[in-house]
N, C-alpha and C. Protein backbone atom coordinates (compact mmCIF):
# COMPACT_ATOMS: atom_id res chain seq x y z
N UNK A 1 -89.77 -72.13 -18.89
CA UNK A 1 -89.96 -72.51 -17.50
C UNK A 1 -90.88 -73.72 -17.46
N UNK A 2 -90.58 -74.60 -16.53
CA UNK A 2 -91.38 -75.80 -16.37
C UNK A 2 -91.67 -76.00 -14.88
N UNK A 3 -92.88 -76.39 -14.58
CA UNK A 3 -93.26 -76.62 -13.19
C UNK A 3 -92.47 -77.79 -12.62
N UNK A 4 -92.13 -77.70 -11.35
CA UNK A 4 -91.44 -78.79 -10.66
C UNK A 4 -92.36 -79.99 -10.44
N UNK A 5 -93.61 -79.68 -10.22
CA UNK A 5 -94.63 -80.70 -9.98
C UNK A 5 -95.99 -80.02 -10.14
N UNK A 6 -97.04 -80.80 -10.10
CA UNK A 6 -98.37 -80.20 -10.10
C UNK A 6 -98.57 -79.42 -8.81
N UNK A 7 -99.49 -78.49 -8.84
CA UNK A 7 -99.82 -77.74 -7.64
C UNK A 7 -100.23 -78.73 -6.55
N UNK A 8 -99.69 -78.59 -5.33
CA UNK A 8 -100.03 -79.52 -4.26
C UNK A 8 -101.53 -79.66 -3.99
N UNK A 9 -102.29 -78.62 -4.23
CA UNK A 9 -103.73 -78.70 -4.03
C UNK A 9 -104.38 -79.61 -5.07
N UNK A 10 -103.69 -79.86 -6.16
CA UNK A 10 -104.18 -80.80 -7.18
C UNK A 10 -103.68 -82.22 -6.87
N UNK A 11 -102.52 -82.33 -6.26
CA UNK A 11 -101.95 -83.63 -5.91
C UNK A 11 -102.74 -84.26 -4.77
N UNK A 12 -103.14 -83.45 -3.82
CA UNK A 12 -103.94 -83.92 -2.69
C UNK A 12 -105.39 -83.51 -2.92
N UNK A 13 -106.18 -84.37 -3.54
CA UNK A 13 -107.51 -83.99 -4.00
C UNK A 13 -108.45 -83.46 -2.92
N UNK A 14 -108.23 -83.82 -1.68
CA UNK A 14 -109.10 -83.31 -0.61
C UNK A 14 -108.79 -81.86 -0.25
N UNK A 15 -107.63 -81.35 -0.64
CA UNK A 15 -107.22 -79.99 -0.27
C UNK A 15 -107.99 -78.93 -1.04
N UNK A 16 -108.13 -79.09 -2.33
CA UNK A 16 -108.70 -78.03 -3.16
C UNK A 16 -110.12 -77.64 -2.77
N UNK A 17 -111.02 -78.59 -2.54
CA UNK A 17 -112.38 -78.16 -2.15
C UNK A 17 -112.41 -77.33 -0.86
N UNK A 18 -111.52 -77.64 0.07
CA UNK A 18 -111.49 -76.88 1.32
C UNK A 18 -110.95 -75.47 1.09
N UNK A 19 -109.90 -75.36 0.28
CA UNK A 19 -109.36 -74.04 -0.05
C UNK A 19 -110.42 -73.23 -0.80
N UNK A 20 -111.08 -73.86 -1.77
CA UNK A 20 -112.12 -73.17 -2.53
C UNK A 20 -113.29 -72.78 -1.64
N UNK A 21 -113.60 -73.61 -0.66
CA UNK A 21 -114.67 -73.29 0.29
C UNK A 21 -114.34 -72.05 1.11
N UNK A 22 -113.10 -71.96 1.57
CA UNK A 22 -112.68 -70.77 2.31
C UNK A 22 -112.74 -69.53 1.42
N UNK A 23 -112.30 -69.68 0.20
CA UNK A 23 -112.32 -68.55 -0.73
C UNK A 23 -113.76 -68.11 -1.01
N UNK A 24 -114.65 -69.07 -1.20
CA UNK A 24 -116.06 -68.74 -1.43
C UNK A 24 -116.65 -68.01 -0.22
N UNK A 25 -116.31 -68.47 0.97
CA UNK A 25 -116.80 -67.81 2.18
C UNK A 25 -116.26 -66.38 2.27
N UNK A 26 -115.00 -66.20 1.91
CA UNK A 26 -114.38 -64.87 1.96
C UNK A 26 -115.02 -63.91 0.97
N UNK A 27 -115.53 -64.44 -0.12
CA UNK A 27 -116.07 -63.60 -1.19
C UNK A 27 -117.59 -63.47 -1.15
N UNK A 28 -118.23 -63.69 -0.02
CA UNK A 28 -119.68 -63.65 0.07
C UNK A 28 -120.24 -62.26 0.31
N UNK A 29 -119.71 -61.28 -0.38
CA UNK A 29 -120.33 -59.96 -0.38
C UNK A 29 -119.90 -58.99 0.68
N UNK A 30 -119.00 -59.37 1.58
CA UNK A 30 -118.59 -58.44 2.62
C UNK A 30 -117.66 -57.35 2.08
N UNK A 31 -116.99 -57.63 0.97
CA UNK A 31 -116.06 -56.69 0.34
C UNK A 31 -116.39 -56.67 -1.15
N UNK A 32 -116.41 -55.51 -1.76
CA UNK A 32 -116.68 -55.46 -3.20
C UNK A 32 -115.66 -56.32 -3.97
N UNK A 33 -116.12 -57.05 -4.99
CA UNK A 33 -115.22 -57.91 -5.75
C UNK A 33 -113.99 -57.18 -6.30
N UNK A 34 -114.14 -55.92 -6.70
CA UNK A 34 -113.01 -55.18 -7.24
C UNK A 34 -111.89 -55.08 -6.20
N UNK A 35 -112.24 -54.90 -4.95
CA UNK A 35 -111.21 -54.82 -3.91
C UNK A 35 -110.53 -56.17 -3.73
N UNK A 36 -111.30 -57.22 -3.79
CA UNK A 36 -110.71 -58.56 -3.71
C UNK A 36 -109.71 -58.80 -4.83
N UNK A 37 -110.05 -58.37 -6.03
CA UNK A 37 -109.13 -58.52 -7.17
C UNK A 37 -107.86 -57.70 -6.96
N UNK A 38 -108.00 -56.47 -6.49
CA UNK A 38 -106.84 -55.62 -6.28
C UNK A 38 -105.92 -56.18 -5.20
N UNK A 39 -106.51 -56.65 -4.12
CA UNK A 39 -105.74 -57.23 -3.01
C UNK A 39 -105.01 -58.49 -3.48
N UNK A 40 -105.71 -59.33 -4.24
CA UNK A 40 -105.08 -60.55 -4.77
C UNK A 40 -103.89 -60.18 -5.66
N UNK A 41 -104.07 -59.21 -6.52
CA UNK A 41 -103.01 -58.81 -7.43
C UNK A 41 -101.82 -58.23 -6.66
N UNK A 42 -102.07 -57.35 -5.71
CA UNK A 42 -100.96 -56.73 -4.98
C UNK A 42 -100.20 -57.76 -4.15
N UNK A 43 -100.91 -58.64 -3.48
CA UNK A 43 -100.27 -59.70 -2.70
C UNK A 43 -99.41 -60.58 -3.60
N UNK A 44 -99.93 -60.93 -4.76
CA UNK A 44 -99.20 -61.77 -5.70
C UNK A 44 -97.98 -61.06 -6.26
N UNK A 45 -98.07 -59.75 -6.46
CA UNK A 45 -96.91 -58.98 -6.92
C UNK A 45 -95.81 -59.03 -5.87
N UNK A 46 -96.17 -58.81 -4.62
CA UNK A 46 -95.19 -58.82 -3.53
C UNK A 46 -94.48 -60.17 -3.47
N UNK A 47 -95.23 -61.24 -3.62
CA UNK A 47 -94.67 -62.59 -3.52
C UNK A 47 -94.04 -63.09 -4.81
N UNK A 48 -94.14 -62.32 -5.88
CA UNK A 48 -93.53 -62.73 -7.14
C UNK A 48 -94.18 -63.96 -7.76
N UNK A 49 -95.47 -64.10 -7.61
CA UNK A 49 -96.19 -65.26 -8.16
C UNK A 49 -96.76 -64.91 -9.53
N UNK A 50 -96.00 -65.22 -10.57
CA UNK A 50 -96.43 -64.93 -11.94
C UNK A 50 -97.73 -65.62 -12.29
N UNK A 51 -97.92 -66.83 -11.81
CA UNK A 51 -99.15 -67.58 -12.09
C UNK A 51 -100.37 -66.83 -11.55
N UNK A 52 -100.27 -66.37 -10.31
CA UNK A 52 -101.41 -65.66 -9.70
C UNK A 52 -101.59 -64.26 -10.25
N UNK A 53 -100.49 -63.61 -10.62
CA UNK A 53 -100.60 -62.28 -11.23
C UNK A 53 -101.32 -62.42 -12.57
N UNK A 54 -100.90 -63.37 -13.37
CA UNK A 54 -101.51 -63.60 -14.68
C UNK A 54 -103.00 -63.92 -14.53
N UNK A 55 -103.30 -64.88 -13.69
CA UNK A 55 -104.70 -65.27 -13.49
C UNK A 55 -105.52 -64.17 -12.83
N UNK A 56 -104.90 -63.47 -11.87
CA UNK A 56 -105.61 -62.39 -11.18
C UNK A 56 -105.99 -61.26 -12.11
N UNK A 57 -105.08 -60.90 -13.00
CA UNK A 57 -105.37 -59.85 -13.97
C UNK A 57 -106.50 -60.30 -14.90
N UNK A 58 -106.44 -61.54 -15.34
CA UNK A 58 -107.49 -62.05 -16.24
C UNK A 58 -108.86 -62.05 -15.56
N UNK A 59 -108.90 -62.50 -14.31
CA UNK A 59 -110.17 -62.50 -13.58
C UNK A 59 -110.68 -61.07 -13.35
N UNK A 60 -109.78 -60.17 -12.99
CA UNK A 60 -110.18 -58.79 -12.74
C UNK A 60 -110.71 -58.13 -14.01
N UNK A 61 -110.04 -58.36 -15.12
CA UNK A 61 -110.50 -57.78 -16.39
C UNK A 61 -111.86 -58.35 -16.78
N UNK A 62 -112.04 -59.63 -16.56
CA UNK A 62 -113.33 -60.28 -16.87
C UNK A 62 -114.45 -59.66 -16.02
N UNK A 63 -114.09 -59.22 -14.81
CA UNK A 63 -115.06 -58.59 -13.90
C UNK A 63 -115.22 -57.10 -14.17
N UNK A 64 -114.51 -56.58 -15.19
CA UNK A 64 -114.69 -55.18 -15.58
C UNK A 64 -113.61 -54.22 -15.13
N UNK A 65 -112.56 -54.72 -14.52
CA UNK A 65 -111.48 -53.84 -14.07
C UNK A 65 -110.75 -53.25 -15.27
N UNK A 66 -110.27 -52.01 -15.12
CA UNK A 66 -109.60 -51.33 -16.23
C UNK A 66 -108.09 -51.61 -16.23
N UNK A 67 -107.51 -51.55 -17.41
CA UNK A 67 -106.06 -51.70 -17.54
C UNK A 67 -105.34 -50.64 -16.72
N UNK A 68 -105.84 -49.42 -16.77
CA UNK A 68 -105.21 -48.31 -16.07
C UNK A 68 -105.01 -48.63 -14.58
N UNK A 69 -106.05 -49.13 -13.95
CA UNK A 69 -105.96 -49.45 -12.53
C UNK A 69 -105.10 -50.68 -12.29
N UNK A 70 -105.22 -51.68 -13.13
CA UNK A 70 -104.41 -52.89 -12.96
C UNK A 70 -102.93 -52.58 -13.11
N UNK A 71 -102.58 -51.75 -14.08
CA UNK A 71 -101.18 -51.37 -14.27
C UNK A 71 -100.64 -50.59 -13.08
N UNK A 72 -101.51 -49.89 -12.38
CA UNK A 72 -101.09 -49.00 -11.30
C UNK A 72 -101.07 -49.65 -9.93
N UNK A 73 -101.51 -50.88 -9.81
CA UNK A 73 -101.60 -51.51 -8.48
C UNK A 73 -100.24 -51.51 -7.77
N UNK A 74 -99.17 -51.78 -8.48
CA UNK A 74 -97.85 -51.82 -7.85
C UNK A 74 -97.44 -50.47 -7.28
N UNK A 75 -98.01 -49.40 -7.81
CA UNK A 75 -97.69 -48.04 -7.35
C UNK A 75 -98.95 -47.34 -6.84
N UNK A 76 -99.79 -48.05 -6.13
CA UNK A 76 -101.10 -47.54 -5.73
C UNK A 76 -101.01 -46.27 -4.89
N UNK A 77 -99.96 -46.10 -4.13
CA UNK A 77 -99.82 -44.90 -3.30
C UNK A 77 -99.62 -43.63 -4.13
N UNK A 78 -99.05 -43.81 -5.32
CA UNK A 78 -98.63 -42.67 -6.14
C UNK A 78 -99.52 -42.41 -7.35
N UNK A 79 -100.69 -43.03 -7.37
CA UNK A 79 -101.60 -42.84 -8.50
C UNK A 79 -102.98 -42.44 -7.97
N UNK A 80 -103.77 -41.75 -8.78
CA UNK A 80 -105.06 -41.25 -8.32
C UNK A 80 -106.24 -42.20 -8.57
N UNK A 81 -105.96 -43.44 -8.94
CA UNK A 81 -107.01 -44.32 -9.45
C UNK A 81 -107.77 -45.11 -8.39
N UNK A 82 -107.41 -44.97 -7.12
CA UNK A 82 -108.00 -45.84 -6.11
C UNK A 82 -108.73 -45.04 -5.04
N UNK A 83 -109.83 -45.60 -4.56
CA UNK A 83 -110.60 -44.97 -3.49
C UNK A 83 -109.87 -45.13 -2.16
N UNK A 84 -110.33 -44.41 -1.16
CA UNK A 84 -109.74 -44.54 0.17
C UNK A 84 -109.90 -45.97 0.71
N UNK A 85 -111.05 -46.58 0.46
CA UNK A 85 -111.27 -47.96 0.91
C UNK A 85 -110.31 -48.92 0.20
N UNK A 86 -110.11 -48.73 -1.09
CA UNK A 86 -109.18 -49.60 -1.83
C UNK A 86 -107.75 -49.41 -1.31
N UNK A 87 -107.38 -48.17 -1.04
CA UNK A 87 -106.04 -47.89 -0.51
C UNK A 87 -105.85 -48.55 0.87
N UNK A 88 -106.86 -48.50 1.70
CA UNK A 88 -106.79 -49.13 3.02
C UNK A 88 -106.63 -50.64 2.87
N UNK A 89 -107.36 -51.23 1.94
CA UNK A 89 -107.26 -52.68 1.71
C UNK A 89 -105.88 -53.05 1.15
N UNK A 90 -105.36 -52.24 0.26
CA UNK A 90 -104.03 -52.51 -0.31
C UNK A 90 -102.94 -52.38 0.75
N UNK A 91 -103.06 -51.39 1.63
CA UNK A 91 -102.09 -51.23 2.71
C UNK A 91 -102.15 -52.44 3.66
N UNK A 92 -103.36 -52.87 3.99
CA UNK A 92 -103.51 -54.04 4.85
C UNK A 92 -102.90 -55.26 4.18
N UNK A 93 -103.15 -55.42 2.89
CA UNK A 93 -102.60 -56.54 2.14
C UNK A 93 -101.07 -56.56 2.20
N UNK A 94 -100.46 -55.40 2.00
CA UNK A 94 -99.00 -55.33 2.03
C UNK A 94 -98.46 -55.70 3.41
N UNK A 95 -99.09 -55.19 4.46
CA UNK A 95 -98.60 -55.46 5.81
C UNK A 95 -98.81 -56.91 6.23
N UNK A 96 -99.95 -57.47 5.90
CA UNK A 96 -100.20 -58.87 6.26
C UNK A 96 -99.29 -59.80 5.46
N UNK A 97 -98.97 -59.43 4.25
CA UNK A 97 -98.10 -60.27 3.41
C UNK A 97 -96.64 -60.17 3.84
N UNK A 98 -96.22 -59.02 4.33
CA UNK A 98 -94.82 -58.81 4.72
C UNK A 98 -94.67 -58.83 6.24
N UNK A 99 -95.10 -59.87 6.87
CA UNK A 99 -95.11 -59.93 8.33
C UNK A 99 -93.73 -59.77 8.96
N UNK A 100 -92.69 -60.24 8.31
CA UNK A 100 -91.36 -60.20 8.93
C UNK A 100 -90.60 -58.91 8.65
N UNK A 101 -91.19 -57.97 7.95
CA UNK A 101 -90.49 -56.74 7.58
C UNK A 101 -90.36 -55.72 8.72
N UNK A 102 -91.16 -55.87 9.77
CA UNK A 102 -91.11 -54.90 10.87
C UNK A 102 -91.54 -55.56 12.17
N UNK A 103 -91.18 -54.94 13.27
CA UNK A 103 -91.51 -55.53 14.57
C UNK A 103 -93.01 -55.49 14.85
N UNK A 104 -93.70 -54.52 14.30
CA UNK A 104 -95.16 -54.43 14.42
C UNK A 104 -95.72 -54.64 13.02
N UNK A 105 -95.93 -55.90 12.62
CA UNK A 105 -96.26 -56.21 11.23
C UNK A 105 -97.49 -55.49 10.68
N UNK A 106 -98.53 -55.35 11.49
CA UNK A 106 -99.74 -54.65 11.07
C UNK A 106 -99.98 -53.53 12.08
N UNK A 107 -99.37 -52.37 11.84
CA UNK A 107 -99.49 -51.27 12.80
C UNK A 107 -100.94 -50.81 12.98
N UNK A 108 -101.21 -50.23 14.13
CA UNK A 108 -102.56 -49.72 14.41
C UNK A 108 -103.04 -48.76 13.33
N UNK A 109 -102.16 -47.93 12.81
CA UNK A 109 -102.57 -46.95 11.79
C UNK A 109 -103.14 -47.65 10.55
N UNK A 110 -102.50 -48.74 10.14
CA UNK A 110 -102.98 -49.49 8.97
C UNK A 110 -104.29 -50.19 9.30
N UNK A 111 -104.34 -50.84 10.46
CA UNK A 111 -105.55 -51.53 10.88
C UNK A 111 -106.72 -50.55 11.04
N UNK A 112 -106.49 -49.45 11.72
CA UNK A 112 -107.56 -48.48 11.98
C UNK A 112 -108.09 -47.86 10.68
N UNK A 113 -107.21 -47.62 9.73
CA UNK A 113 -107.66 -47.09 8.44
C UNK A 113 -108.55 -48.11 7.73
N UNK A 114 -108.16 -49.37 7.76
CA UNK A 114 -109.00 -50.41 7.16
C UNK A 114 -110.34 -50.51 7.90
N UNK A 115 -110.29 -50.41 9.21
CA UNK A 115 -111.52 -50.52 10.02
C UNK A 115 -112.47 -49.34 9.79
N UNK A 116 -111.96 -48.21 9.30
CA UNK A 116 -112.85 -47.09 8.95
C UNK A 116 -113.70 -47.42 7.73
N UNK A 117 -113.23 -48.30 6.89
CA UNK A 117 -113.91 -48.59 5.63
C UNK A 117 -114.62 -49.94 5.61
N UNK A 118 -114.25 -50.83 6.51
CA UNK A 118 -114.81 -52.18 6.51
C UNK A 118 -115.24 -52.56 7.91
N UNK A 119 -116.42 -53.15 8.02
CA UNK A 119 -116.87 -53.64 9.32
C UNK A 119 -116.14 -54.94 9.63
N UNK A 120 -116.50 -55.57 10.73
CA UNK A 120 -115.80 -56.79 11.15
C UNK A 120 -115.90 -57.89 10.10
N UNK A 121 -117.06 -58.03 9.50
CA UNK A 121 -117.24 -59.05 8.45
C UNK A 121 -116.36 -58.70 7.23
N UNK A 122 -116.29 -57.44 6.88
CA UNK A 122 -115.45 -57.02 5.77
C UNK A 122 -113.97 -57.24 6.06
N UNK A 123 -113.54 -56.93 7.28
CA UNK A 123 -112.15 -57.17 7.66
C UNK A 123 -111.83 -58.66 7.64
N UNK A 124 -112.76 -59.47 8.13
CA UNK A 124 -112.56 -60.92 8.10
C UNK A 124 -112.42 -61.40 6.66
N UNK A 125 -113.26 -60.89 5.79
CA UNK A 125 -113.21 -61.25 4.38
C UNK A 125 -111.87 -60.86 3.77
N UNK A 126 -111.46 -59.62 4.02
CA UNK A 126 -110.17 -59.15 3.50
C UNK A 126 -109.02 -60.02 3.99
N UNK A 127 -109.01 -60.31 5.28
CA UNK A 127 -107.92 -61.11 5.84
C UNK A 127 -107.89 -62.52 5.24
N UNK A 128 -109.05 -63.09 5.00
CA UNK A 128 -109.09 -64.41 4.36
C UNK A 128 -108.59 -64.34 2.92
N UNK A 129 -109.01 -63.33 2.17
CA UNK A 129 -108.55 -63.19 0.78
C UNK A 129 -107.04 -63.01 0.75
N UNK A 130 -106.51 -62.14 1.60
CA UNK A 130 -105.07 -61.90 1.65
C UNK A 130 -104.34 -63.19 2.03
N UNK A 131 -104.81 -63.85 3.06
CA UNK A 131 -104.15 -65.06 3.55
C UNK A 131 -104.21 -66.19 2.52
N UNK A 132 -105.35 -66.37 1.90
CA UNK A 132 -105.47 -67.42 0.89
C UNK A 132 -104.63 -67.12 -0.34
N UNK A 133 -104.54 -65.84 -0.70
CA UNK A 133 -103.66 -65.48 -1.82
C UNK A 133 -102.23 -65.82 -1.46
N UNK A 134 -101.83 -65.57 -0.22
CA UNK A 134 -100.49 -65.95 0.22
C UNK A 134 -100.29 -67.46 0.14
N UNK A 135 -101.31 -68.24 0.48
CA UNK A 135 -101.23 -69.70 0.34
C UNK A 135 -101.02 -70.06 -1.13
N UNK A 136 -101.86 -69.53 -2.00
CA UNK A 136 -101.73 -69.83 -3.43
C UNK A 136 -100.34 -69.44 -3.94
N UNK A 137 -99.89 -68.25 -3.55
CA UNK A 137 -98.59 -67.76 -4.00
C UNK A 137 -97.47 -68.71 -3.57
N UNK A 138 -97.51 -69.12 -2.33
CA UNK A 138 -96.44 -69.98 -1.82
C UNK A 138 -96.45 -71.35 -2.50
N UNK A 139 -97.61 -71.89 -2.73
CA UNK A 139 -97.69 -73.18 -3.44
C UNK A 139 -97.18 -73.03 -4.88
N UNK A 140 -97.62 -71.98 -5.55
CA UNK A 140 -97.25 -71.79 -6.96
C UNK A 140 -95.79 -71.42 -7.14
N UNK A 141 -95.26 -70.57 -6.28
CA UNK A 141 -93.86 -70.17 -6.40
C UNK A 141 -92.94 -71.35 -6.09
N UNK A 142 -93.23 -72.08 -5.01
CA UNK A 142 -92.38 -73.21 -4.62
C UNK A 142 -92.33 -74.28 -5.70
N UNK A 143 -93.45 -74.49 -6.38
CA UNK A 143 -93.51 -75.54 -7.41
C UNK A 143 -93.31 -75.00 -8.82
N UNK A 144 -93.05 -73.69 -8.90
CA UNK A 144 -92.80 -73.00 -10.18
C UNK A 144 -93.91 -73.22 -11.20
N UNK A 145 -95.13 -72.97 -10.75
CA UNK A 145 -96.27 -73.07 -11.68
C UNK A 145 -96.11 -72.03 -12.77
N UNK A 146 -96.43 -72.42 -13.98
CA UNK A 146 -96.21 -71.59 -15.15
C UNK A 146 -97.48 -70.78 -15.46
N UNK A 147 -97.29 -69.47 -15.58
CA UNK A 147 -98.39 -68.58 -15.95
C UNK A 147 -98.70 -68.78 -17.42
N UNK A 148 -99.92 -68.43 -17.80
CA UNK A 148 -100.24 -68.48 -19.22
C UNK A 148 -101.60 -69.05 -19.52
N UNK A 149 -101.71 -69.65 -20.68
CA UNK A 149 -103.01 -70.06 -21.21
C UNK A 149 -103.77 -71.08 -20.37
N UNK A 150 -103.07 -71.79 -19.49
CA UNK A 150 -103.75 -72.81 -18.69
C UNK A 150 -104.74 -72.26 -17.69
N UNK A 151 -104.76 -70.94 -17.54
CA UNK A 151 -105.65 -70.35 -16.55
C UNK A 151 -107.06 -70.50 -16.95
């Protein structure tokens, strides 16, 4: 596989610092880093972004995440490895990523479950992480960025 072009955020040098700034703001402690890693991985799985899955797993492992949990993210509903807060974040991630799959893209039940575990700042952080992961996924998938050692 070969990339069609460089990542657009690298082609337009003013874009990357702004994207990184949003990501830094999203990760300022409102949500535990492990949840951010899980949400990034699940969103990237849904979007089929091999580049982000590869990099996300590497970052999560570097932060101490276990193989057992990383392998189970795709089947998080059917495994015992995740807390209620992590499950709520993963459900929110799936619904926000799949906006066109249903008439009510983020049902109250999903939102309310997330709101039980995260305050407004935490929800804002989660939504930014999910949304930015979707941005990364779309840029990487469209340009066919290659996963692997370049991470």
